[in-house]
Amino acid sequence: MWLLEELKARKDSNHLAMIYRGKKITYRELWNESEKAAYWITQNSKTKNPVLIYGNKDIEILIVIVAALKTGRAYVPVDITFPVGRLQKIASITEAEILFNFSHIEIPEVMCERDIHIVDTEAFSGLLKNDCRQEIPENLWIGGGDNCYILFTTGSTGEPKGVQINKKNIINFVDWFSKYTELKKGMVALNQVSYSFDVSVIQLYIFLAKGITLFNIDKQMICDFGELFSALRDSEIAVWVSTPAFIEMCSAYDSFNNQMLPHLEKIILAGEVLTKKLVNTLWSRFEGVEIINGYGPTEGTVLLSCCTINQEMMQDKENELPIGTVLDDGIFWLESKGQKISEEKEKGELLISSKSISKGYFMNPEATKKNFFDFEGNNAYRTGDLVYRIGNLLYYCGRTDFQIKLNGYRIELDDISENINKIDFVNNNVVLPVYRDGRIVYIAAFIVLSKDLGLSVPRISILIRKKLAEWIPSYMVPKKIVILDVFPLNTNGKIDRNYLRETYL
């Protein structure tokens, strides 16, 4: 299943492709307007360098994405939460000739010491009014090895790294994951995830390709739960796709239930650890809903493993929820100190080979060589994630770089976090090391409660420490405990650890 082919098959359909703040676009309009935008791109660029898109969830972004693919150019989505300075760096790395700016943020006419054609919302609206009927031939479309998009993540140096994902990567992912996205009768999918986050690929390349209507939720709505819940009540969504943190934030309100979303059939969660407490909450609110837990780095085209959560997994007292079985063509193994691990339940770094693995970072051979390698003719990737195996199921247990040393003791932060989540009045938590003068001086825990205990924060902190002292060594018990109503989220809908660190530590 390939997006452009499926959209072409629906080019005469008046079924809605996307809804955003009362604005709507049909599949027919999407096809025709993307033709106009694609023709404009071909006439206003000398190269096939990537096309930059600066915005959040505007319908115009979808038109440009489809248009870029039609012209054989990769698109680079940059969310409005990123400052213009970061956009400028990305423009310099990609040598982009065109920037579509739907952010309503003023951008300098000259960026990165070179001219770049900046098209704002008004100018874009003008080019769509052009009565051009030039059809873009299919031989110009993105080819198998061509980059479809480049997502920029922050590297260890603080400089953005562009993950390249090509058509072959996407088709391999779609062919595998599509079976998890079947809907019984629903025809609307939530489209909340930022386009600069890989999980948005599920909505664009699977649900849109299937003729499903995407219902957009933007950053402003997420900051106003009154507006957000009002929109959700009108959405008729059948499938929810987000991080666990975002749906957990919504579920903090009792009104977030099957009366608000009566058509909800399926919940797909990825990007963070999914807890049993959250699953229980969702099952209690949405009876019969199917919950899918997915895992995968951006370098692996969204997900590399997933599973449908069942009662057996929930009742397993020895293990947290699995991240599932690897994708159909995936070959994986675990390593510890450079040695392969064959025993079940033994932790190791996950290495995986698949046609879904990226060819590397855009114009960054040094970082590519560090993390990517060839394995039996396919790209392979060192994930940096610690997992263990039971049968065919993988279980996530932290990052290789989440292991710290404090006062001579080697500590895994996720071990502390898992034990905090065992406390009956804790909903979720984040554990962070606190640095002073380049060394770790103590551990802090940020906690959201599952119920009001009617106690002061110091009393709650004492209770938590007492509970933890029963399960983990004293040197692992956090020195500082911060109680929050909800966790702050970053652009990708994940818990914003940098904000917690900068605000409270």
Protein backbone atom coordinates (compact mmCIF):
# COMPACT_ATOMS: atom_id res chain seq x y z
CA MET A 1 0.00 0.00 0.00
CA TRP A 2 1.55 3.29 -1.14
CA LEU A 3 0.04 6.66 -0.20
CA LEU A 4 0.18 8.38 -3.61
CA GLU A 5 -1.34 5.42 -5.42
CA GLU A 6 -4.18 5.21 -2.89
CA LEU A 7 -4.82 8.95 -3.07
CA LYS A 8 -4.92 8.81 -6.86
CA ALA A 9 -7.52 6.03 -6.65
CA ARG A 10 -9.63 8.42 -4.52
CA LYS A 11 -9.01 11.58 -6.53
CA ASP A 12 -12.70 11.87 -7.45
CA SER A 13 -13.98 11.10 -3.94
CA ASN A 14 -15.85 13.69 -1.91
CA HIS A 15 -15.15 11.77 1.30
CA LEU A 16 -13.37 13.97 3.86
CA ALA A 17 -9.61 13.52 4.11
CA MET A 18 -9.03 15.91 7.00
CA ILE A 19 -10.93 18.11 9.46
CA TYR A 20 -9.21 20.94 11.33
CA ARG A 21 -10.97 23.63 13.37
CA GLY A 22 -14.07 23.59 11.19
CA LYS A 23 -12.06 23.53 7.97
CA LYS A 24 -12.42 20.44 5.79
CA ILE A 25 -10.72 19.02 2.73
CA THR A 26 -11.99 16.13 0.64
CA TYR A 27 -9.85 13.53 -1.08
CA ARG A 28 -10.73 15.18 -4.40
CA GLU A 29 -9.61 18.60 -3.15
CA LEU A 30 -6.45 17.16 -1.61
CA TRP A 31 -5.46 15.59 -4.91
CA ASN A 32 -6.18 18.66 -7.01
CA GLU A 33 -4.59 21.18 -4.66
CA SER A 34 -1.49 19.04 -4.17
CA GLU A 35 -1.17 18.93 -7.98
CA LYS A 36 -1.09 22.73 -8.06
CA ALA A 37 1.40 22.92 -5.19
CA ALA A 38 3.58 20.23 -6.82
CA TYR A 39 3.64 22.08 -10.13
CA TRP A 40 4.58 25.31 -8.32
CA ILE A 41 7.45 23.51 -6.55
CA THR A 42 8.82 22.18 -9.83
CA GLN A 43 8.69 25.66 -11.35
CA ASN A 44 10.35 27.43 -8.42
CA SER A 45 13.29 25.20 -7.52
CA LYS A 46 16.42 24.34 -9.45
CA THR A 47 17.29 21.23 -7.43
CA LYS A 48 15.50 18.33 -5.76
CA ASN A 49 16.68 19.45 -2.34
CA PRO A 50 14.25 18.80 0.55
CA VAL A 51 11.24 21.07 1.06
CA LEU A 52 10.89 22.62 4.54
CA ILE A 53 7.51 22.93 6.26
CA TYR A 54 7.17 25.07 9.41
CA GLY A 55 3.86 24.69 11.23
CA ASN A 56 1.72 22.47 13.43
CA LYS A 57 -1.48 20.80 12.17
CA ASP A 58 -2.74 23.09 9.38
CA ILE A 59 -4.49 21.42 6.44
CA GLU A 60 -2.03 23.21 4.15
CA ILE A 61 0.76 21.04 5.59
CA LEU A 62 -0.94 17.89 4.30
CA ILE A 63 -1.23 19.43 0.83
CA VAL A 64 2.49 20.28 0.79
CA ILE A 65 3.49 16.82 2.04
CA VAL A 66 1.59 15.15 -0.80
CA ALA A 67 2.90 17.73 -3.29
CA ALA A 68 6.52 17.16 -2.26
CA LEU A 69 6.15 13.40 -2.72
CA LYS A 70 4.67 13.97 -6.17
CA THR A 71 7.74 15.98 -7.21
CA GLY A 72 10.24 13.40 -5.94
CA ARG A 73 11.40 15.64 -3.08
CA ALA A 74 11.67 14.81 0.61
CA TYR A 75 9.73 17.01 3.02
CA VAL A 76 11.15 18.19 6.33
CA PRO A 77 8.46 19.02 8.92
CA VAL A 78 9.57 21.40 11.68
CA ASP A 79 7.06 22.04 14.46
CA ILE A 80 6.27 25.57 15.64
CA THR A 81 7.56 24.69 19.11
CA PHE A 82 11.07 24.78 17.63
CA PRO A 83 12.60 28.27 17.45
CA VAL A 84 13.52 29.96 14.19
CA GLY A 85 17.19 29.42 15.06
CA ARG A 86 16.74 25.66 14.87
CA LEU A 87 14.81 26.03 11.63
CA GLN A 88 17.73 28.03 10.31
CA LYS A 89 20.19 25.23 11.14
CA ILE A 90 17.98 22.66 9.42
CA ALA A 91 17.66 24.89 6.36
CA SER A 92 21.44 25.14 6.22
CA ILE A 93 21.97 21.36 6.53
CA THR A 94 19.36 20.51 3.88
CA GLU A 95 20.23 23.43 1.56
CA ALA A 96 16.49 23.85 1.06
CA GLU A 97 15.34 26.21 -1.68
CA ILE A 98 11.72 26.42 -0.47
CA LEU A 99 10.23 26.92 2.98
CA PHE A 100 6.48 26.78 3.52
CA ASN A 101 5.74 28.81 6.64
CA PHE A 102 2.33 28.09 8.20
CA SER A 103 3.44 29.17 11.67
CA HIS A 104 2.42 32.86 11.61
CA ILE A 105 5.94 33.47 12.97
CA GLU A 106 8.02 35.96 11.01
CA ILE A 107 11.07 34.39 9.37
CA PRO A 108 14.00 36.36 7.91
CA GLU A 109 13.94 36.51 4.11
CA VAL A 110 17.56 35.39 3.97
CA MET A 111 18.43 32.30 5.99
CA CYS A 112 21.63 30.36 6.43
CA GLU A 113 23.73 32.73 4.31
CA ARG A 114 21.73 31.82 1.21
CA ASP A 115 18.42 32.80 -0.35
CA ILE A 116 15.42 30.62 0.34
CA HIS A 117 11.95 31.05 -1.12
CA ILE A 118 9.56 31.53 1.82
CA VAL A 119 5.87 30.85 1.17
CA ASP A 120 3.50 31.92 3.96
CA THR A 121 -0.16 30.95 4.39
CA GLU A 122 -1.46 33.90 2.35
CA ALA A 123 0.94 33.28 -0.53
CA PHE A 124 0.12 29.57 -0.47
CA SER A 125 -3.59 30.34 -0.66
CA GLY A 126 -2.84 32.50 -3.69
CA LEU A 127 -0.96 29.81 -5.58
CA LEU A 128 -3.85 27.36 -4.97
CA LYS A 129 -6.21 29.82 -6.68
CA ASN A 130 -4.20 29.43 -9.84
CA ASP A 131 -6.30 27.64 -12.44
CA CYS A 132 -3.31 25.54 -13.53
CA ARG A 133 -4.41 22.08 -14.68
CA GLN A 134 -0.91 20.70 -15.19
CA GLU A 135 -0.87 17.07 -14.05
CA ILE A 136 2.31 15.83 -12.41
CA PRO A 137 3.46 12.67 -14.22
CA GLU A 138 4.02 9.59 -12.07
CA ASN A 139 7.61 9.25 -13.25
CA LEU A 140 8.39 12.34 -11.13
CA TRP A 141 6.97 10.77 -7.97
CA ILE A 142 9.18 9.58 -5.12
CA GLY A 143 10.99 6.35 -6.08
CA GLY A 144 11.83 3.33 -3.96
CA GLY A 145 15.20 4.53 -2.65
CA ASP A 146 14.28 8.22 -2.52
CA ASN A 147 13.85 9.98 0.80
CA CYS A 148 10.19 10.68 1.58
CA TYR A 149 10.91 12.72 4.66
CA ILE A 150 13.72 13.74 6.99
CA LEU A 151 12.98 14.15 10.71
CA PHE A 152 15.49 16.12 12.73
CA THR A 153 16.25 14.97 16.24
CA THR A 154 18.71 16.49 18.69
CA GLY A 155 22.04 14.71 18.88
CA SER A 156 24.35 14.44 21.87
CA THR A 157 26.22 17.51 20.61
CA GLY A 158 23.03 19.57 20.65
CA GLU A 159 23.11 19.83 16.85
CA PRO A 160 20.08 18.50 14.94
CA LYS A 161 20.49 15.12 13.19
CA GLY A 162 18.26 14.37 10.22
CA VAL A 163 16.88 10.82 10.06
CA GLN A 164 16.28 9.87 6.42
CA ILE A 165 13.28 7.64 5.67
CA ASN A 166 12.73 6.47 2.10
CA LYS A 167 9.80 4.90 0.25
CA LYS A 168 11.08 1.35 0.77
CA ASN A 169 11.34 1.96 4.53
CA ILE A 170 7.75 3.22 4.69
CA ILE A 171 6.26 0.45 2.55
CA ASN A 172 7.97 -2.20 4.69
CA PHE A 173 6.56 -0.63 7.85
CA VAL A 174 3.09 -0.15 6.37
CA ASP A 175 2.89 -3.72 5.03
CA TRP A 176 3.65 -5.06 8.51
CA PHE A 177 1.74 -2.67 10.77
CA SER A 178 -1.42 -2.29 8.67
CA LYS A 179 -2.87 -5.48 10.16
CA TYR A 180 -2.91 -3.78 13.58
CA THR A 181 -4.88 -0.81 12.24
CA GLU A 182 -8.03 -2.54 10.97
CA LEU A 183 -11.25 -0.89 12.12
CA LYS A 184 -14.60 -2.64 12.41
CA LYS A 185 -16.75 0.30 11.36
CA GLY A 186 -15.07 3.57 12.27
CA MET A 187 -13.92 6.05 9.63
CA VAL A 188 -12.18 8.78 11.68
CA ALA A 189 -8.65 8.76 13.17
CA LEU A 190 -7.19 11.17 15.71
CA ASN A 191 -4.35 13.22 14.19
CA GLN A 192 -2.75 14.84 17.22
CA VAL A 193 0.91 13.87 16.91
CA SER A 194 3.25 16.54 15.53
CA TYR A 195 4.47 15.86 11.99
CA SER A 196 8.03 16.25 13.28
CA PHE A 197 7.45 13.09 15.37
CA ASP A 198 7.62 9.74 13.56
CA VAL A 199 4.36 8.37 15.02
CA SER A 200 2.48 10.74 12.68
CA VAL A 201 3.46 8.39 9.84
CA ILE A 202 0.75 5.98 11.03
CA GLN A 203 -1.97 8.53 10.33
CA LEU A 204 -0.55 9.75 7.02
CA TYR A 205 0.68 6.58 5.37
CA ILE A 206 -1.83 4.08 6.74
CA PHE A 207 -5.11 5.71 7.77
CA LEU A 208 -5.14 8.42 5.09
CA ALA A 209 -4.15 5.83 2.48
CA LYS A 210 -7.10 3.69 3.62
CA GLY A 211 -9.55 6.53 3.03
CA ILE A 212 -9.98 7.34 6.73
CA THR A 213 -10.73 10.94 7.78
CA LEU A 214 -8.03 12.54 9.93
CA PHE A 215 -9.32 14.71 12.79
CA ASN A 216 -6.65 17.24 13.75
CA ILE A 217 -5.81 18.37 17.28
CA ASP A 218 -3.29 21.20 17.52
CA LYS A 219 -0.93 22.54 20.17
CA GLN A 220 -3.35 25.26 21.29
CA MET A 221 -6.11 22.72 21.99
CA ILE A 222 -3.75 20.60 24.09
CA CYS A 223 -3.10 23.64 26.29
CA ASP A 224 -6.85 24.12 26.89
CA PHE A 225 -8.65 20.96 27.99
CA GLY A 226 -12.04 22.62 27.73
CA GLU A 227 -11.44 23.27 24.04
CA LEU A 228 -9.76 19.88 23.55
CA PHE A 229 -12.60 17.86 25.08
CA SER A 230 -15.20 19.89 23.19
CA ALA A 231 -13.40 19.02 19.94
CA LEU A 232 -13.11 15.34 20.89
CA ARG A 233 -16.85 15.12 21.61
CA ASP A 234 -17.53 16.22 18.03
CA SER A 235 -14.80 14.11 16.45
CA GLU A 236 -16.39 10.64 16.10
CA ILE A 237 -12.88 9.15 16.20
CA ALA A 238 -12.62 5.37 16.05
CA VAL A 239 -8.85 5.13 16.53
CA TRP A 240 -6.62 7.06 18.90
CA VAL A 241 -2.88 7.39 18.19
CA SER A 242 -0.60 9.15 20.68
CA THR A 243 2.07 8.77 23.33
CA PRO A 244 1.03 7.23 26.66
CA ALA A 245 1.74 10.58 28.33
CA PHE A 246 -0.85 12.45 26.26
CA ILE A 247 -3.71 10.00 26.81
CA GLU A 248 -2.73 9.70 30.47
CA MET A 249 -3.04 13.47 30.78
CA CYS A 250 -6.52 13.27 29.24
CA SER A 251 -7.53 10.38 31.50
CA ALA A 252 -6.82 12.50 34.58
CA TYR A 253 -10.33 13.86 33.95
CA ASP A 254 -13.28 11.58 34.69
CA SER A 255 -15.18 13.00 31.71
CA PHE A 256 -12.65 11.36 29.39
CA ASN A 257 -14.67 8.21 28.76
CA ASN A 258 -16.85 6.36 26.25
CA GLN A 259 -19.53 9.03 26.46
CA MET A 260 -17.03 11.54 25.09
CA LEU A 261 -15.72 9.06 22.49
CA PRO A 262 -18.54 6.57 21.84
CA HIS A 263 -17.03 5.33 18.54
CA LEU A 264 -13.57 4.54 19.91
CA GLU A 265 -12.45 1.01 18.89
CA LYS A 266 -8.68 1.09 19.05
CA ILE A 267 -5.92 2.91 20.95
CA ILE A 268 -2.37 2.83 19.52
CA LEU A 269 0.31 4.04 21.93
CA ALA A 270 4.03 4.50 21.27
CA GLY A 271 7.01 6.64 22.15
CA GLU A 272 7.14 5.94 25.89
CA VAL A 273 6.66 3.19 28.45
CA LEU A 274 3.04 2.02 28.74
CA THR A 275 2.08 1.14 32.33
CA LYS A 276 -0.46 -1.40 33.54
CA LYS A 277 -2.14 1.34 35.57
CA LEU A 278 -2.84 3.36 32.45
CA VAL A 279 -4.20 0.30 30.62
CA ASN A 280 -6.54 -0.46 33.54
CA THR A 281 -7.75 3.13 33.53
CA LEU A 282 -8.41 3.06 29.77
CA TRP A 283 -10.19 -0.29 29.91
CA SER A 284 -12.41 1.02 32.71
CA ARG A 285 -13.31 4.12 30.67
CA PHE A 286 -13.64 2.48 27.24
CA GLU A 287 -15.06 -1.00 27.61
CA GLY A 288 -13.89 -3.40 24.91
CA VAL A 289 -11.32 -1.02 23.40
CA GLU A 290 -8.25 -2.66 21.86
CA ILE A 291 -4.93 -1.27 23.11
CA ILE A 292 -1.77 -1.70 21.04
CA ASN A 293 1.64 -1.00 22.54
CA GLY A 294 4.35 -0.09 20.03
CA TYR A 295 8.08 0.46 20.26
CA GLY A 296 10.61 1.92 17.86
CA PRO A 297 13.12 4.72 17.34
CA THR A 298 12.76 7.30 14.57
CA GLU A 299 15.64 5.53 12.82
CA GLY A 300 13.37 2.47 12.38
CA THR A 301 10.44 4.18 10.61
CA VAL A 302 8.07 4.55 13.56
CA LEU A 303 7.80 1.06 15.12
CA LEU A 304 10.00 -2.02 15.16
CA SER A 305 7.81 -4.09 17.47
CA CYS A 306 4.28 -4.08 18.86
CA CYS A 307 1.59 -6.20 20.46
CA THR A 308 -2.06 -6.09 21.47
CA ILE A 309 -2.33 -5.91 25.25
CA ASN A 310 -4.26 -8.81 26.80
CA GLN A 311 -5.29 -9.96 30.26
CA GLU A 312 -2.44 -12.48 30.50
CA MET A 313 0.09 -9.67 30.09
CA MET A 314 -1.73 -7.56 32.65
CA GLN A 315 -1.80 -10.40 35.21
CA ASP A 316 1.89 -11.20 34.83
CA LYS A 317 3.29 -10.10 38.21
CA GLU A 318 6.93 -10.65 37.29
CA ASN A 319 7.09 -8.45 34.19
CA GLU A 320 5.85 -5.09 33.03
CA LEU A 321 3.99 -4.87 29.72
CA PRO A 322 5.90 -6.16 26.68
CA ILE A 323 6.79 -3.98 23.70
CA GLY A 324 5.79 -6.87 21.48
CA THR A 325 7.23 -8.99 18.71
CA VAL A 326 9.49 -7.53 16.05
CA LEU A 327 8.20 -6.66 12.58
CA ASP A 328 7.93 -9.42 9.98
CA ASP A 329 11.32 -9.02 8.31
CA GLY A 330 13.15 -7.95 11.47
CA ILE A 331 16.24 -9.81 12.67
CA PHE A 332 17.25 -8.80 16.18
CA TRP A 333 19.73 -9.74 18.87
CA LEU A 334 20.81 -8.45 22.25
CA GLU A 335 24.33 -7.52 23.29
CA SER A 336 25.97 -6.89 26.64
CA LYS A 337 29.57 -5.68 26.76
CA GLY A 338 29.97 -6.60 23.10
CA GLN A 339 28.76 -10.18 23.57
CA LYS A 340 25.52 -11.63 22.21
CA ILE A 341 22.91 -12.72 24.74
CA SER A 342 20.92 -15.90 24.18
CA GLU A 343 19.33 -16.46 27.59
CA GLU A 344 15.76 -15.34 28.27
CA LYS A 345 15.26 -12.50 30.77
CA GLU A 346 18.87 -11.36 30.42
CA LYS A 347 19.12 -7.64 29.63
CA GLY A 348 21.06 -6.31 26.69
CA GLU A 349 21.14 -3.56 24.09
CA LEU A 350 18.76 -4.20 21.21
CA LEU A 351 20.29 -4.35 17.73
CA ILE A 352 17.95 -4.88 14.80
CA SER A 353 18.12 -5.29 11.04
CA SER A 354 15.15 -4.64 8.74
CA LYS A 355 14.11 -2.96 5.50
CA SER A 356 12.47 -0.38 7.81
CA ILE A 357 15.84 0.81 9.16
CA SER A 358 16.98 4.19 7.84
CA LYS A 359 20.10 4.47 5.70
CA GLY A 360 21.43 6.97 8.25
CA TYR A 361 21.58 10.64 9.16
CA PHE A 362 21.36 13.23 6.40
CA MET A 363 24.79 14.65 5.52
CA ASN A 364 26.25 13.23 8.74
CA PRO A 365 28.46 10.23 7.94
CA GLU A 366 30.22 10.28 11.31
CA ALA A 367 27.01 9.85 13.34
CA THR A 368 25.71 7.35 10.77
CA LYS A 369 28.79 5.16 11.08
CA LYS A 370 28.48 5.17 14.88
CA ASN A 371 24.91 3.81 14.96
CA PHE A 372 24.20 2.08 11.63
CA PHE A 373 25.80 -0.92 9.95
CA ASP A 374 25.09 -3.48 7.26
CA PHE A 375 23.70 -6.91 8.17
CA GLU A 376 22.95 -9.52 5.52
CA GLY A 377 22.16 -6.90 2.90
CA ASN A 378 19.87 -4.77 5.08
CA ASN A 379 20.57 -1.73 7.22
CA ALA A 380 20.92 -2.45 10.93
CA TYR A 381 20.79 -0.09 13.92
CA ARG A 382 22.09 0.02 17.48
CA THR A 383 19.07 1.27 19.40
CA GLY A 384 20.71 2.15 22.71
CA ASP A 385 17.69 0.56 24.40
CA LEU A 386 17.98 -2.15 27.03
CA VAL A 387 15.50 -5.00 26.59
CA TYR A 388 15.11 -8.64 27.50
CA ARG A 389 13.27 -11.48 25.79
CA ILE A 390 10.70 -14.03 26.91
CA GLY A 391 9.79 -16.27 24.00
CA ASN A 392 9.08 -14.00 21.03
CA LEU A 393 8.12 -11.03 23.20
CA LEU A 394 10.49 -8.18 24.00
CA TYR A 395 10.37 -6.18 27.23
CA TYR A 396 11.80 -2.68 27.51
CA CYS A 397 13.84 -1.91 30.62
CA GLY A 398 15.52 1.43 29.94
CA ARG A 399 18.21 3.20 28.00
CA THR A 400 21.86 2.22 28.05
CA ASP A 401 22.51 5.86 28.92
CA PHE A 402 19.96 5.83 31.78
CA GLN A 403 22.46 3.91 33.90
CA ILE A 404 24.27 6.21 36.34
CA LYS A 405 26.89 5.96 39.06
CA LEU A 406 26.18 7.62 42.41
CA ASN A 407 28.53 7.38 45.39
CA GLY A 408 30.21 4.37 43.79
CA TYR A 409 26.95 2.50 43.16
CA ARG A 410 25.82 1.67 39.62
CA ILE A 411 22.08 2.45 39.38
CA GLU A 412 19.49 1.96 36.64
CA LEU A 413 17.00 4.83 36.83
CA ASP A 414 14.25 2.71 35.26
CA ASP A 415 14.59 0.25 38.14
CA ILE A 416 13.68 3.03 40.55
CA SER A 417 10.85 4.20 38.30
CA GLU A 418 9.32 0.72 38.04
CA ASN A 419 9.27 0.37 41.83
CA ILE A 420 7.68 3.80 42.32
CA ASN A 421 4.90 2.75 39.94
CA LYS A 422 4.17 -0.26 42.17
CA ILE A 423 2.86 2.11 44.86
CA ASP A 424 -0.94 1.99 44.73
CA PHE A 425 -1.49 5.77 44.92
CA VAL A 426 1.10 6.60 42.20
CA ASN A 427 -0.13 7.05 38.66
CA ASN A 428 3.21 7.58 36.92
CA ASN A 429 6.67 8.99 37.53
CA VAL A 430 9.92 10.23 36.02
CA VAL A 431 13.28 9.74 37.73
CA LEU A 432 16.19 12.07 36.90
CA PRO A 433 19.77 12.42 38.13
CA VAL A 434 20.80 15.83 39.48
CA TYR A 435 24.21 17.14 38.44
CA ARG A 436 26.43 19.66 40.16
CA ASP A 437 29.82 20.63 38.74
CA GLY A 438 29.69 17.79 36.25
CA ARG A 439 28.89 14.97 38.69
CA ILE A 440 25.70 13.36 39.99
CA VAL A 441 24.91 14.45 43.54
CA TYR A 442 21.44 12.93 44.07
CA ILE A 443 18.36 11.46 42.41
CA ALA A 444 15.00 13.23 42.00
CA ALA A 445 11.59 11.72 41.29
CA PHE A 446 8.64 13.56 39.73
CA ILE A 447 5.34 11.90 40.55
CA VAL A 448 1.70 12.21 39.48
CA LEU A 449 -0.71 10.63 41.98
CA SER A 450 -3.64 8.42 41.05
CA LYS A 451 -5.81 9.86 43.85
CA ASP A 452 -5.97 12.68 46.38
CA LEU A 453 -4.48 11.44 49.65
CA GLY A 454 -5.48 14.53 51.63
CA LEU A 455 -1.89 14.86 52.87
CA SER A 456 0.81 17.49 52.53
CA VAL A 457 3.59 16.97 50.01
CA PRO A 458 6.19 16.27 52.76
CA ARG A 459 3.94 13.55 54.24
CA ILE A 460 3.38 12.01 50.81
CA SER A 461 7.13 12.05 50.18
CA ILE A 462 7.74 10.21 53.47
CA LEU A 463 5.15 7.57 52.52
CA ILE A 464 6.78 7.04 49.13
CA ARG A 465 10.26 6.72 50.62
CA LYS A 466 9.04 4.20 53.20
CA LYS A 467 7.44 2.09 50.49
CA LEU A 468 10.55 2.22 48.33
CA ALA A 469 12.79 1.26 51.24
CA GLU A 470 10.98 -2.08 51.31
CA TRP A 471 11.90 -2.85 47.69
CA ILE A 472 15.17 -1.14 46.75
CA PRO A 473 18.47 -0.25 48.51
CA SER A 474 18.55 3.01 50.41
CA TYR A 475 21.08 4.55 48.01
CA MET A 476 18.51 4.21 45.21
CA VAL A 477 15.70 6.03 47.05
CA PRO A 478 15.29 9.53 45.53
CA LYS A 479 16.45 12.37 47.75
CA LYS A 480 14.01 14.83 46.20
CA ILE A 481 10.37 14.07 45.39
CA VAL A 482 8.22 16.51 43.42
CA ILE A 483 4.45 15.97 43.23
CA LEU A 484 2.79 17.24 40.04
CA ASP A 485 -0.82 17.43 38.88
CA VAL A 486 0.19 16.44 35.32
CA PHE A 487 3.44 16.02 33.44
CA PRO A 488 4.50 18.72 30.96
CA LEU A 489 4.72 17.39 27.41
CA ASN A 490 7.19 18.24 24.68
CA THR A 491 6.53 18.65 20.95
CA ASN A 492 6.30 14.91 20.40
CA GLY A 493 3.77 14.41 23.18
CA LYS A 494 6.34 12.79 25.44
CA ILE A 495 7.04 13.83 29.03
CA ASP A 496 9.28 16.89 28.84
CA ARG A 497 12.26 15.87 30.96
CA ASN A 498 14.24 18.98 30.05
CA TYR A 499 11.44 21.22 31.36
CA LEU A 500 11.32 19.24 34.63
CA ARG A 501 15.06 19.50 35.02
CA GLU A 502 15.23 23.22 34.23
CA THR A 503 12.17 24.15 36.35
CA TYR A 504 12.59 22.07 39.48
CA LEU A 505 16.26 21.07 39.72
